Amino acid sequence: MSEKKNVLKDKSFSFAIRIINLYKYLSTSKNEYVLSKQLLRSGTAVGALIRESQNTESKADFIHKLAVAQKECDESIYWIELLYHTEYLPSTEFESINNEAIEILKIIRSIIITSKNK
């Protein structure tokens, strides 16, 4: 029996890996520790909360977990923007990772809205 594909779970996991690699780059190559640590925390929390939402006991709990994931994703976008505008991130890297975060945020919001309307 094959497991149903979960696009959000896969995207958030890939995003977390990118965030971890970006943190490693920023802390070793740019000696930037404060902003990158904040991004590491919020960027990896997104996927963890999405995973948690898959095992909730109620619809309300499911929506709540995704709402927190939404907040963490939006916070990650803030740190990514700040790193870009303070010249720690080149524009190509910024655009790529920022677009990925925005895509995840849109999916989370869509799932929350759909779940509330059911």
PDB file of N, CA and C in Angstrom:
ATOM      1  N   MET A   1       0.849  -1.169   0.000  1.00  0.00           N
ATOM      2  CA  MET A   1       0.000   0.000   0.000  1.00  0.00           C
ATOM      3  C   MET A   1       0.901   1.241   0.000  1.00  0.00           C
ATOM      4  N   SER A   2       0.663   2.166  -0.920  1.00  0.00           N
ATOM      5  CA  SER A   2       1.494   3.363  -0.993  1.00  0.00           C
ATOM      6  C   SER A   2       0.867   4.510  -0.193  1.00  0.00           C
ATOM      7  N   GLU A   3       1.719   5.298   0.418  1.00  0.00           N
ATOM      8  CA  GLU A   3       1.258   6.436   1.200  1.00  0.00           C
ATOM      9  C   GLU A   3       0.901   7.585   0.258  1.00  0.00           C
ATOM     10  N   LYS A   4      -0.196   8.269   0.546  1.00  0.00           N
ATOM     11  CA  LYS A   4      -0.633   9.407  -0.259  1.00  0.00           C
ATOM     12  C   LYS A   4       0.411  10.520  -0.190  1.00  0.00           C
ATOM     13  N   LYS A   5       0.709  11.120  -1.332  1.00  0.00           N
ATOM     14  CA  LYS A   5       1.713  12.185  -1.419  1.00  0.00           C
ATOM     15  C   LYS A   5       1.225  13.426  -0.667  1.00  0.00           C
ATOM     16  N   ASN A   6       2.067  13.977   0.177  1.00  0.00           N
ATOM     17  CA  ASN A   6       1.748  15.181   0.930  1.00  0.00           C
ATOM     18  C   ASN A   6       2.702  16.285   0.475  1.00  0.00           C
ATOM     19  N   VAL A   7       2.231  17.112  -0.442  1.00  0.00           N
ATOM     20  CA  VAL A   7       3.062  18.160  -1.042  1.00  0.00           C
ATOM     21  C   VAL A   7       3.567  19.143   0.007  1.00  0.00           C
ATOM     22  N   LEU A   8       2.700  19.562   0.906  1.00  0.00           N
ATOM     23  CA  LEU A   8       3.097  20.527   1.931  1.00  0.00           C
ATOM     24  C   LEU A   8       4.170  19.953   2.850  1.00  0.00           C
ATOM     25  N   LYS A   9       4.007  18.710   3.242  1.00  0.00           N
ATOM     26  CA  LYS A   9       5.003  18.052   4.100  1.00  0.00           C
ATOM     27  C   LYS A   9       6.358  18.003   3.386  1.00  0.00           C
ATOM     28  N   ASP A  10       6.339  17.620   2.108  1.00  0.00           N
ATOM     29  CA  ASP A  10       7.582  17.535   1.329  1.00  0.00           C
ATOM     30  C   ASP A  10       8.226  18.902   1.131  1.00  0.00           C
ATOM     31  N   LYS A  11       7.415  19.902   0.782  1.00  0.00           N
ATOM     32  CA  LYS A  11       7.942  21.248   0.552  1.00  0.00           C
ATOM     33  C   LYS A  11       8.512  21.859   1.830  1.00  0.00           C
ATOM     34  N   SER A  12       7.823  21.648   2.938  1.00  0.00           N
ATOM     35  CA  SER A  12       8.310  22.225   4.196  1.00  0.00           C
ATOM     36  C   SER A  12       9.586  21.535   4.663  1.00  0.00           C
ATOM     37  N   PHE A  13       9.728  20.249   4.374  1.00  0.00           N
ATOM     38  CA  PHE A  13      10.955  19.534   4.731  1.00  0.00           C
ATOM     39  C   PHE A  13      12.126  20.032   3.875  1.00  0.00           C
ATOM     40  N   SER A  14      11.899  20.190   2.586  1.00  0.00           N
ATOM     41  CA  SER A  14      12.941  20.728   1.687  1.00  0.00           C
ATOM     42  C   SER A  14      13.324  22.146   2.090  1.00  0.00           C
ATOM     43  N   PHE A  15      12.320  22.929   2.479  1.00  0.00           N
ATOM     44  CA  PHE A  15      12.567  24.298   2.927  1.00  0.00           C
ATOM     45  C   PHE A  15      13.439  24.287   4.185  1.00  0.00           C
ATOM     46  N   ALA A  16      13.159  23.391   5.115  1.00  0.00           N
ATOM     47  CA  ALA A  16      13.957  23.297   6.348  1.00  0.00           C
ATOM     48  C   ALA A  16      15.409  22.959   6.026  1.00  0.00           C
ATOM     49  N   ILE A  17      15.613  22.083   5.073  1.00  0.00           N
ATOM     50  CA  ILE A  17      16.985  21.741   4.675  1.00  0.00           C
ATOM     51  C   ILE A  17      17.690  22.968   4.096  1.00  0.00           C
ATOM     52  N   ARG A  18      16.990  23.716   3.253  1.00  0.00           N
ATOM     53  CA  ARG A  18      17.577  24.944   2.699  1.00  0.00           C
ATOM     54  C   ARG A  18      17.913  25.944   3.800  1.00  0.00           C
ATOM     55  N   ILE A  19      17.031  26.053   4.775  1.00  0.00           N
ATOM     56  CA  ILE A  19      17.253  26.982   5.892  1.00  0.00           C
ATOM     57  C   ILE A  19      18.485  26.559   6.691  1.00  0.00           C
ATOM     58  N   ILE A  20      18.620  25.279   6.958  1.00  0.00           N
ATOM     59  CA  ILE A  20      19.781  24.775   7.706  1.00  0.00           C
ATOM     60  C   ILE A  20      21.066  25.056   6.926  1.00  0.00           C
ATOM     61  N   ASN A  21      21.056  24.800   5.627  1.00  0.00           N
ATOM     62  CA  ASN A  21      22.241  25.067   4.801  1.00  0.00           C
ATOM     63  C   ASN A  21      22.545  26.559   4.731  1.00  0.00           C
ATOM     64  N   LEU A  22      21.513  27.381   4.667  1.00  0.00           N
ATOM     65  CA  LEU A  22      21.720  28.829   4.669  1.00  0.00           C
ATOM     66  C   LEU A  22      22.307  29.280   5.997  1.00  0.00           C
ATOM     67  N   TYR A  23      21.809  28.715   7.094  1.00  0.00           N
ATOM     68  CA  TYR A  23      22.361  29.039   8.413  1.00  0.00           C
ATOM     69  C   TYR A  23      23.850  28.691   8.478  1.00  0.00           C
ATOM     70  N   LYS A  24      24.188  27.507   7.992  1.00  0.00           N
ATOM     71  CA  LYS A  24      25.601  27.094   8.002  1.00  0.00           C
ATOM     72  C   LYS A  24      26.456  28.070   7.195  1.00  0.00           C
ATOM     73  N   TYR A  25      25.968  28.461   6.033  1.00  0.00           N
ATOM     74  CA  TYR A  25      26.687  29.417   5.176  1.00  0.00           C
ATOM     75  C   TYR A  25      26.841  30.766   5.882  1.00  0.00           C
ATOM     76  N   LEU A  26      25.747  31.291   6.423  1.00  0.00           N
ATOM     77  CA  LEU A  26      25.791  32.613   7.058  1.00  0.00           C
ATOM     78  C   LEU A  26      26.688  32.626   8.293  1.00  0.00           C
ATOM     79  N   SER A  27      26.648  31.565   9.063  1.00  0.00           N
ATOM     80  CA  SER A  27      27.441  31.553  10.294  1.00  0.00           C
ATOM     81  C   SER A  27      28.927  31.294  10.021  1.00  0.00           C
ATOM     82  N   THR A  28      29.245  30.515   8.996  1.00  0.00           N
ATOM     83  CA  THR A  28      30.658  30.239   8.727  1.00  0.00           C
ATOM     84  C   THR A  28      31.285  31.232   7.758  1.00  0.00           C
ATOM     85  N   SER A  29      30.595  31.574   6.692  1.00  0.00           N
ATOM     86  CA  SER A  29      31.182  32.446   5.667  1.00  0.00           C
ATOM     87  C   SER A  29      30.987  33.928   5.942  1.00  0.00           C
ATOM     88  N   LYS A  30      29.879  34.288   6.566  1.00  0.00           N
ATOM     89  CA  LYS A  30      29.567  35.699   6.796  1.00  0.00           C
ATOM     90  C   LYS A  30      29.693  36.116   8.262  1.00  0.00           C
ATOM     91  N   ASN A  31      29.967  35.147   9.127  1.00  0.00           N
ATOM     92  CA  ASN A  31      30.043  35.417  10.569  1.00  0.00           C
ATOM     93  C   ASN A  31      28.798  36.127  11.090  1.00  0.00           C
ATOM     94  N   GLU A  32      27.642  35.730  10.578  1.00  0.00           N
ATOM     95  CA  GLU A  32      26.372  36.302  11.004  1.00  0.00           C
ATOM     96  C   GLU A  32      25.664  35.245  11.836  1.00  0.00           C
ATOM     97  N   TYR A  33      25.379  35.575  13.092  1.00  0.00           N
ATOM     98  CA  TYR A  33      24.835  34.580  14.009  1.00  0.00           C
ATOM     99  C   TYR A  33      23.438  34.920  14.526  1.00  0.00           C
ATOM    100  N   VAL A  34      23.123  36.174  14.681  1.00  0.00           N
ATOM    101  CA  VAL A  34      21.872  36.561  15.332  1.00  0.00           C
ATOM    102  C   VAL A  34      20.671  36.365  14.405  1.00  0.00           C
ATOM    103  N   LEU A  35      20.683  37.018  13.256  1.00  0.00           N
ATOM    104  CA  LEU A  35      19.560  36.911  12.325  1.00  0.00           C
ATOM    105  C   LEU A  35      19.418  35.481  11.798  1.00  0.00           C
ATOM    106  N   SER A  36      20.552  34.876  11.485  1.00  0.00           N
ATOM    107  CA  SER A  36      20.510  33.518  10.928  1.00  0.00           C
ATOM    108  C   SER A  36      19.985  32.505  11.939  1.00  0.00           C
ATOM    109  N   LYS A  37      20.256  32.722  13.210  1.00  0.00           N
ATOM    110  CA  LYS A  37      19.743  31.824  14.252  1.00  0.00           C
ATOM    111  C   LYS A  37      18.220  31.964  14.371  1.00  0.00           C
ATOM    112  N   GLN A  38      17.732  33.187  14.246  1.00  0.00           N
ATOM    113  CA  GLN A  38      16.287  33.417  14.269  1.00  0.00           C
ATOM    114  C   GLN A  38      15.621  32.715  13.087  1.00  0.00           C
ATOM    115  N   LEU A  39      16.244  32.843  11.908  1.00  0.00           N
ATOM    116  CA  LEU A  39      15.720  32.191  10.706  1.00  0.00           C
ATOM    117  C   LEU A  39      15.763  30.672  10.854  1.00  0.00           C
ATOM    118  N   LEU A  40      16.829  30.162  11.422  1.00  0.00           N
ATOM    119  CA  LEU A  40      16.950  28.719  11.642  1.00  0.00           C
ATOM    120  C   LEU A  40      15.800  28.213  12.508  1.00  0.00           C
ATOM    121  N   ARG A  41      15.497  28.950  13.560  1.00  0.00           N
ATOM    122  CA  ARG A  41      14.433  28.549  14.477  1.00  0.00           C
ATOM    123  C   ARG A  41      13.069  28.568  13.789  1.00  0.00           C
ATOM    124  N   SER A  42      12.736  29.686  13.152  1.00  0.00           N
ATOM    125  CA  SER A  42      11.404  29.788  12.542  1.00  0.00           C
ATOM    126  C   SER A  42      11.279  28.934  11.285  1.00  0.00           C
ATOM    127  N   GLY A  43      12.338  28.873  10.492  1.00  0.00           N
ATOM    128  CA  GLY A  43      12.283  28.122   9.237  1.00  0.00           C
ATOM    129  C   GLY A  43      12.155  26.621   9.414  1.00  0.00           C
ATOM    130  N   THR A  44      12.764  26.095  10.451  1.00  0.00           N
ATOM    131  CA  THR A  44      12.639  24.652  10.705  1.00  0.00           C
ATOM    132  C   THR A  44      11.362  24.322  11.477  1.00  0.00           C
ATOM    133  N   ALA A  45      10.813  25.302  12.181  1.00  0.00           N
ATOM    134  CA  ALA A  45       9.572  25.089  12.935  1.00  0.00           C
ATOM    135  C   ALA A  45       8.387  24.855  12.000  1.00  0.00           C
ATOM    136  N   VAL A  46       8.425  25.445  10.816  1.00  0.00           N
ATOM    137  CA  VAL A  46       7.313  25.311   9.869  1.00  0.00           C
ATOM    138  C   VAL A  46       7.022  23.834   9.594  1.00  0.00           C
ATOM    139  N   GLY A  47       8.025  23.111   9.176  1.00  0.00           N
ATOM    140  CA  GLY A  47       7.852  21.694   8.862  1.00  0.00           C
ATOM    141  C   GLY A  47       7.482  20.861  10.076  1.00  0.00           C
ATOM    142  N   ALA A  48       8.066  21.191  11.222  1.00  0.00           N
ATOM    143  CA  ALA A  48       7.748  20.447  12.443  1.00  0.00           C
ATOM    144  C   ALA A  48       6.280  20.617  12.812  1.00  0.00           C
ATOM    145  N   LEU A  49       5.769  21.813  12.675  1.00  0.00           N
ATOM    146  CA  LEU A  49       4.359  22.065  12.992  1.00  0.00           C
ATOM    147  C   LEU A  49       3.425  21.408  11.979  1.00  0.00           C
ATOM    148  N   ILE A  50       3.838  21.380  10.733  1.00  0.00           N
ATOM    149  CA  ILE A  50       3.044  20.696   9.713  1.00  0.00           C
ATOM    150  C   ILE A  50       2.992  19.206  10.025  1.00  0.00           C
ATOM    151  N   ARG A  51       4.123  18.644  10.430  1.00  0.00           N
ATOM    152  CA  ARG A  51       4.146  17.230  10.837  1.00  0.00           C
ATOM    153  C   ARG A  51       3.224  17.005  12.031  1.00  0.00           C
ATOM    154  N   GLU A  52       3.275  17.907  13.005  1.00  0.00           N
ATOM    155  CA  GLU A  52       2.403  17.787  14.174  1.00  0.00           C
ATOM    156  C   GLU A  52       0.935  17.829  13.774  1.00  0.00           C
ATOM    157  N   SER A  53       0.616  18.666  12.802  1.00  0.00           N
ATOM    158  CA  SER A  53      -0.782  18.806  12.381  1.00  0.00           C
ATOM    159  C   SER A  53      -1.333  17.520  11.782  1.00  0.00           C
ATOM    160  N   GLN A  54      -0.465  16.665  11.289  1.00  0.00           N
ATOM    161  CA  GLN A  54      -0.904  15.403  10.695  1.00  0.00           C
ATOM    162  C   GLN A  54      -1.361  14.398  11.746  1.00  0.00           C
ATOM    163  N   ASN A  55      -1.083  14.669  12.997  1.00  0.00           N
ATOM    164  CA  ASN A  55      -1.418  13.728  14.072  1.00  0.00           C
ATOM    165  C   ASN A  55      -2.278  14.357  15.158  1.00  0.00           C
ATOM    166  N   THR A  56      -3.051  15.349  14.788  1.00  0.00           N
ATOM    167  CA  THR A  56      -3.903  16.004  15.784  1.00  0.00           C
ATOM    168  C   THR A  56      -5.139  15.172  16.081  1.00  0.00           C
ATOM    169  N   GLU A  57      -5.777  15.486  17.187  1.00  0.00           N
ATOM    170  CA  GLU A  57      -6.946  14.727  17.627  1.00  0.00           C
ATOM    171  C   GLU A  57      -8.267  15.375  17.248  1.00  0.00           C
ATOM    172  N   SER A  58      -8.205  16.611  16.745  1.00  0.00           N
ATOM    173  CA  SER A  58      -9.445  17.292  16.366  1.00  0.00           C
ATOM    174  C   SER A  58      -9.175  18.253  15.210  1.00  0.00           C
ATOM    175  N   LYS A  59     -10.241  18.646  14.568  1.00  0.00           N
ATOM    176  CA  LYS A  59     -10.132  19.624  13.481  1.00  0.00           C
ATOM    177  C   LYS A  59      -9.604  20.963  14.009  1.00  0.00           C
ATOM    178  N   ALA A  60     -10.078  21.357  15.184  1.00  0.00           N
ATOM    179  CA  ALA A  60      -9.630  22.617  15.782  1.00  0.00           C
ATOM    180  C   ALA A  60      -8.125  22.586  16.058  1.00  0.00           C
ATOM    181  N   ASP A  61      -7.638  21.473  16.563  1.00  0.00           N
ATOM    182  CA  ASP A  61      -6.209  21.328  16.842  1.00  0.00           C
ATOM    183  C   ASP A  61      -5.411  21.349  15.535  1.00  0.00           C
ATOM    184  N   PHE A  62      -5.932  20.687  14.507  1.00  0.00           N
ATOM    185  CA  PHE A  62      -5.301  20.685  13.180  1.00  0.00           C
ATOM    186  C   PHE A  62      -5.161  22.113  12.660  1.00  0.00           C
ATOM    187  N   ILE A  63      -6.239  22.871  12.726  1.00  0.00           N
ATOM    188  CA  ILE A  63      -6.219  24.267  12.257  1.00  0.00           C
ATOM    189  C   ILE A  63      -5.254  25.099  13.094  1.00  0.00           C
ATOM    190  N   HIS A  64      -5.259  24.863  14.403  1.00  0.00           N
ATOM    191  CA  HIS A  64      -4.361  25.613  15.287  1.00  0.00           C
ATOM    192  C   HIS A  64      -2.889  25.356  14.946  1.00  0.00           C
ATOM    193  N   LYS A  65      -2.522  24.089  14.753  1.00  0.00           N
ATOM    194  CA  LYS A  65      -1.129  23.754  14.419  1.00  0.00           C
ATOM    195  C   LYS A  65      -0.722  24.418  13.112  1.00  0.00           C
ATOM    196  N   LEU A  66      -1.629  24.381  12.120  1.00  0.00           N
ATOM    197  CA  LEU A  66      -1.310  25.025  10.839  1.00  0.00           C
ATOM    198  C   LEU A  66      -1.249  26.543  10.971  1.00  0.00           C
ATOM    199  N   ALA A  67      -2.064  27.104  11.846  1.00  0.00           N
ATOM    200  CA  ALA A  67      -2.019  28.549  12.081  1.00  0.00           C
ATOM    201  C   ALA A  67      -0.675  28.964  12.682  1.00  0.00           C
ATOM    202  N   VAL A  68      -0.155  28.152  13.571  1.00  0.00           N
ATOM    203  CA  VAL A  68       1.164  28.441  14.153  1.00  0.00           C
ATOM    204  C   VAL A  68       2.245  28.267  13.080  1.00  0.00           C
ATOM    205  N   ALA A  69       2.115  27.241  12.234  1.00  0.00           N
ATOM    206  CA  ALA A  69       3.055  27.040  11.125  1.00  0.00           C
ATOM    207  C   ALA A  69       3.019  28.244  10.187  1.00  0.00           C
ATOM    208  N   GLN A  70       1.826  28.775   9.963  1.00  0.00           N
ATOM    209  CA  GLN A  70       1.665  29.973   9.128  1.00  0.00           C
ATOM    210  C   GLN A  70       2.428  31.156   9.720  1.00  0.00           C
ATOM    211  N   LYS A  71       2.316  31.340  11.017  1.00  0.00           N
ATOM    212  CA  LYS A  71       3.031  32.432  11.696  1.00  0.00           C
ATOM    213  C   LYS A  71       4.543  32.252  11.583  1.00  0.00           C
ATOM    214  N   GLU A  72       5.012  31.032  11.777  1.00  0.00           N
ATOM    215  CA  GLU A  72       6.452  30.759  11.691  1.00  0.00           C
ATOM    216  C   GLU A  72       6.960  30.978  10.262  1.00  0.00           C
ATOM    217  N   CYS A  73       6.154  30.603   9.282  1.00  0.00           N
ATOM    218  CA  CYS A  73       6.531  30.792   7.889  1.00  0.00           C
ATOM    219  C   CYS A  73       6.619  32.283   7.562  1.00  0.00           C
ATOM    220  N   ASP A  74       5.645  33.047   8.019  1.00  0.00           N
ATOM    221  CA  ASP A  74       5.665  34.491   7.786  1.00  0.00           C
ATOM    222  C   ASP A  74       6.847  35.142   8.503  1.00  0.00           C
ATOM    223  N   GLU A  75       7.154  34.662   9.696  1.00  0.00           N
ATOM    224  CA  GLU A  75       8.325  35.165  10.417  1.00  0.00           C
ATOM    225  C   GLU A  75       9.604  34.845   9.640  1.00  0.00           C
ATOM    226  N   SER A  76       9.670  33.661   9.060  1.00  0.00           N
ATOM    227  CA  SER A  76      10.839  33.278   8.252  1.00  0.00           C
ATOM    228  C   SER A  76      11.017  34.229   7.080  1.00  0.00           C
ATOM    229  N   ILE A  77       9.911  34.599   6.449  1.00  0.00           N
ATOM    230  CA  ILE A  77       9.971  35.551   5.335  1.00  0.00           C
ATOM    231  C   ILE A  77      10.541  36.876   5.818  1.00  0.00           C
ATOM    232  N   TYR A  78      10.153  37.301   7.005  1.00  0.00           N
ATOM    233  CA  TYR A  78      10.695  38.532   7.580  1.00  0.00           C
ATOM    234  C   TYR A  78      12.224  38.461   7.720  1.00  0.00           C
ATOM    235  N   TRP A  79      12.727  37.361   8.294  1.00  0.00           N
ATOM    236  CA  TRP A  79      14.174  37.221   8.494  1.00  0.00           C
ATOM    237  C   TRP A  79      14.903  37.133   7.148  1.00  0.00           C
ATOM    238  N   ILE A  80      14.311  36.453   6.179  1.00  0.00           N
ATOM    239  CA  ILE A  80      14.908  36.352   4.846  1.00  0.00           C
ATOM    240  C   ILE A  80      15.003  37.745   4.215  1.00  0.00           C
ATOM    241  N   GLU A  81      13.936  38.526   4.323  1.00  0.00           N
ATOM    242  CA  GLU A  81      13.937  39.889   3.790  1.00  0.00           C
ATOM    243  C   GLU A  81      14.992  40.748   4.495  1.00  0.00           C
ATOM    244  N   LEU A  82      15.080  40.604   5.805  1.00  0.00           N
ATOM    245  CA  LEU A  82      16.055  41.378   6.574  1.00  0.00           C
ATOM    246  C   LEU A  82      17.485  41.007   6.183  1.00  0.00           C
ATOM    247  N   LEU A  83      17.739  39.729   6.012  1.00  0.00           N
ATOM    248  CA  LEU A  83      19.077  39.285   5.584  1.00  0.00           C
ATOM    249  C   LEU A  83      19.416  39.822   4.191  1.00  0.00           C
ATOM    250  N   TYR A  84      18.435  39.881   3.338  1.00  0.00           N
ATOM    251  CA  TYR A  84      18.658  40.414   1.986  1.00  0.00           C
ATOM    252  C   TYR A  84      18.930  41.916   2.034  1.00  0.00           C
ATOM    253  N   HIS A  85      18.118  42.643   2.760  1.00  0.00           N
ATOM    254  CA  HIS A  85      18.259  44.104   2.792  1.00  0.00           C
ATOM    255  C   HIS A  85      19.474  44.570   3.597  1.00  0.00           C
ATOM    256  N   THR A  86      20.086  43.677   4.350  1.00  0.00           N
ATOM    257  CA  THR A  86      21.329  44.009   5.053  1.00  0.00           C
ATOM    258  C   THR A  86      22.532  43.400   4.339  1.00  0.00           C
ATOM    259  N   GLU A  87      22.289  42.937   3.125  1.00  0.00           N
ATOM    260  CA  GLU A  87      23.317  42.451   2.196  1.00  0.00           C
ATOM    261  C   GLU A  87      24.034  41.173   2.640  1.00  0.00           C
ATOM    262  N   TYR A  88      23.350  40.358   3.416  1.00  0.00           N
ATOM    263  CA  TYR A  88      23.891  39.034   3.733  1.00  0.00           C
ATOM    264  C   TYR A  88      23.505  38.008   2.674  1.00  0.00           C
ATOM    265  N   LEU A  89      22.413  38.273   1.960  1.00  0.00           N
ATOM    266  CA  LEU A  89      21.944  37.364   0.915  1.00  0.00           C
ATOM    267  C   LEU A  89      22.000  38.053  -0.445  1.00  0.00           C
ATOM    268  N   PRO A  90      22.567  37.387  -1.440  1.00  0.00           N
ATOM    269  CA  PRO A  90      22.519  37.944  -2.800  1.00  0.00           C
ATOM    270  C   PRO A  90      21.096  37.827  -3.347  1.00  0.00           C
ATOM    271  N   SER A  91      20.766  38.635  -4.330  1.00  0.00           N
ATOM    272  CA  SER A  91      19.392  38.692  -4.833  1.00  0.00           C
ATOM    273  C   SER A  91      18.896  37.357  -5.386  1.00  0.00           C
ATOM    274  N   THR A  92      19.749  36.585  -6.047  1.00  0.00           N
ATOM    275  CA  THR A  92      19.289  35.302  -6.603  1.00  0.00           C
ATOM    276  C   THR A  92      18.895  34.327  -5.500  1.00  0.00           C
ATOM    277  N   GLU A  93      19.692  34.244  -4.450  1.00  0.00           N
ATOM    278  CA  GLU A  93      19.375  33.369  -3.328  1.00  0.00           C
ATOM    279  C   GLU A  93      18.126  33.866  -2.604  1.00  0.00           C
ATOM    280  N   PHE A  94      18.057  35.190  -2.403  1.00  0.00           N
ATOM    281  CA  PHE A  94      16.887  35.773  -1.753  1.00  0.00           C
ATOM    282  C   PHE A  94      15.609  35.436  -2.517  1.00  0.00           C
ATOM    283  N   GLU A  95      15.602  35.680  -3.808  1.00  0.00           N
ATOM    284  CA  GLU A  95      14.399  35.441  -4.611  1.00  0.00           C
ATOM    285  C   GLU A  95      13.976  33.974  -4.558  1.00  0.00           C
ATOM    286  N   SER A  96      14.934  33.093  -4.646  1.00  0.00           N
ATOM    287  CA  SER A  96      14.637  31.663  -4.643  1.00  0.00           C
ATOM    288  C   SER A  96      14.024  31.200  -3.319  1.00  0.00           C
ATOM    289  N   ILE A  97      14.690  31.500  -2.223  1.00  0.00           N
ATOM    290  CA  ILE A  97      14.214  31.017  -0.921  1.00  0.00           C
ATOM    291  C   ILE A  97      12.978  31.787  -0.472  1.00  0.00           C
ATOM    292  N   ASN A  98      12.887  33.063  -0.812  1.00  0.00           N
ATOM    293  CA  ASN A  98      11.708  33.858  -0.469  1.00  0.00           C
ATOM    294  C   ASN A  98      10.479  33.341  -1.219  1.00  0.00           C
ATOM    295  N   ASN A  99      10.634  33.051  -2.499  1.00  0.00           N
ATOM    296  CA  ASN A  99       9.523  32.505  -3.284  1.00  0.00           C
ATOM    297  C   ASN A  99       9.061  31.163  -2.738  1.00  0.00           C
ATOM    298  N   GLU A 100      10.005  30.352  -2.319  1.00  0.00           N
ATOM    299  CA  GLU A 100       9.662  29.053  -1.733  1.00  0.00           C
ATOM    300  C   GLU A 100       8.856  29.231  -0.447  1.00  0.00           C
ATOM    301  N   ALA A 101       9.281  30.170   0.386  1.00  0.00           N
ATOM    302  CA  ALA A 101       8.566  30.435   1.641  1.00  0.00           C
ATOM    303  C   ALA A 101       7.166  30.977   1.365  1.00  0.00           C
ATOM    304  N   ILE A 102       7.042  31.866   0.396  1.00  0.00           N
ATOM    305  CA  ILE A 102       5.733  32.424   0.049  1.00  0.00           C
ATOM    306  C   ILE A 102       4.805  31.326  -0.481  1.00  0.00           C
ATOM    307  N   GLU A 103       5.339  30.430  -1.273  1.00  0.00           N
ATOM    308  CA  GLU A 103       4.542  29.320  -1.796  1.00  0.00           C
ATOM    309  C   GLU A 103       4.024  28.438  -0.660  1.00  0.00           C
ATOM    310  N   ILE A 104       4.883  28.122   0.292  1.00  0.00           N
ATOM    311  CA  ILE A 104       4.471  27.315   1.447  1.00  0.00           C
ATOM    312  C   ILE A 104       3.412  28.059   2.251  1.00  0.00           C
ATOM    313  N   LEU A 105       3.613  29.348   2.454  1.00  0.00           N
ATOM    314  CA  LEU A 105       2.657  30.164   3.200  1.00  0.00           C
ATOM    315  C   LEU A 105       1.283  30.144   2.527  1.00  0.00           C
ATOM    316  N   LYS A 106       1.256  30.269   1.215  1.00  0.00           N
ATOM    317  CA  LYS A 106      -0.017  30.254   0.479  1.00  0.00           C
ATOM    318  C   LYS A 106      -0.722  28.903   0.613  1.00  0.00           C
ATOM    319  N   ILE A 107       0.047  27.830   0.565  1.00  0.00           N
ATOM    320  CA  ILE A 107      -0.551  26.489   0.710  1.00  0.00           C
ATOM    321  C   ILE A 107      -1.142  26.332   2.106  1.00  0.00           C
ATOM    322  N   ILE A 108      -0.399  26.748   3.119  1.00  0.00           N
ATOM    323  CA  ILE A 108      -0.890  26.644   4.497  1.00  0.00           C
ATOM    324  C   ILE A 108      -2.180  27.443   4.645  1.00  0.00           C
ATOM    325  N   ARG A 109      -2.181  28.677   4.160  1.00  0.00           N
ATOM    326  CA  ARG A 109      -3.382  29.523   4.267  1.00  0.00           C
ATOM    327  C   ARG A 109      -4.573  28.886   3.566  1.00  0.00           C
ATOM    328  N   SER A 110      -4.337  28.317   2.412  1.00  0.00           N
ATOM    329  CA  SER A 110      -5.404  27.670   1.650  1.00  0.00           C
ATOM    330  C   SER A 110      -5.992  26.487   2.422  1.00  0.00           C
ATOM    331  N   ILE A 111      -5.131  25.682   3.027  1.00  0.00           N
ATOM    332  CA  ILE A 111      -5.589  24.522   3.807  1.00  0.00           C
ATOM    333  C   ILE A 111      -6.387  24.983   5.019  1.00  0.00           C
ATOM    334  N   ILE A 112      -5.933  26.041   5.677  1.00  0.00           N
ATOM    335  CA  ILE A 112      -6.649  26.564   6.843  1.00  0.00           C
ATOM    336  C   ILE A 112      -8.044  27.037   6.434  1.00  0.00           C
ATOM    337  N   ILE A 113      -8.128  27.803   5.373  1.00  0.00           N
ATOM    338  CA  ILE A 113      -9.425  28.316   4.902  1.00  0.00           C
ATOM    339  C   ILE A 113     -10.353  27.176   4.520  1.00  0.00           C
ATOM    340  N   THR A 114      -9.836  26.218   3.775  1.00  0.00           N
ATOM    341  CA  THR A 114     -10.638  25.052   3.370  1.00  0.00           C
ATOM    342  C   THR A 114     -11.123  24.276   4.584  1.00  0.00           C
ATOM    343  N   SER A 115     -10.241  24.068   5.549  1.00  0.00           N
ATOM    344  CA  SER A 115     -10.603  23.311   6.762  1.00  0.00           C
ATOM    345  C   SER A 115     -11.665  24.048   7.587  1.00  0.00           C
ATOM    346  N   LYS A 116     -11.569  25.348   7.665  1.00  0.00           N
ATOM    347  CA  LYS A 116     -12.561  26.124   8.417  1.00  0.00           C
ATOM    348  C   LYS A 116     -13.927  26.088   7.750  1.00  0.00           C
ATOM    349  N   ASN A 117     -13.942  26.013   6.425  1.00  0.00           N
ATOM    350  CA  ASN A 117     -15.202  26.035   5.679  1.00  0.00           C
ATOM    351  C   ASN A 117     -15.900  24.686   5.623  1.00  0.00           C
ATOM    352  N   LYS A 118     -15.211  23.626   6.047  1.00  0.00           N
ATOM    353  CA  LYS A 118     -15.825  22.281   6.008  1.00  0.00           C
ATOM    354  C   LYS A 118     -16.720  22.062   7.199  1.00  0.00           C
TER     355      LYS A 118
END
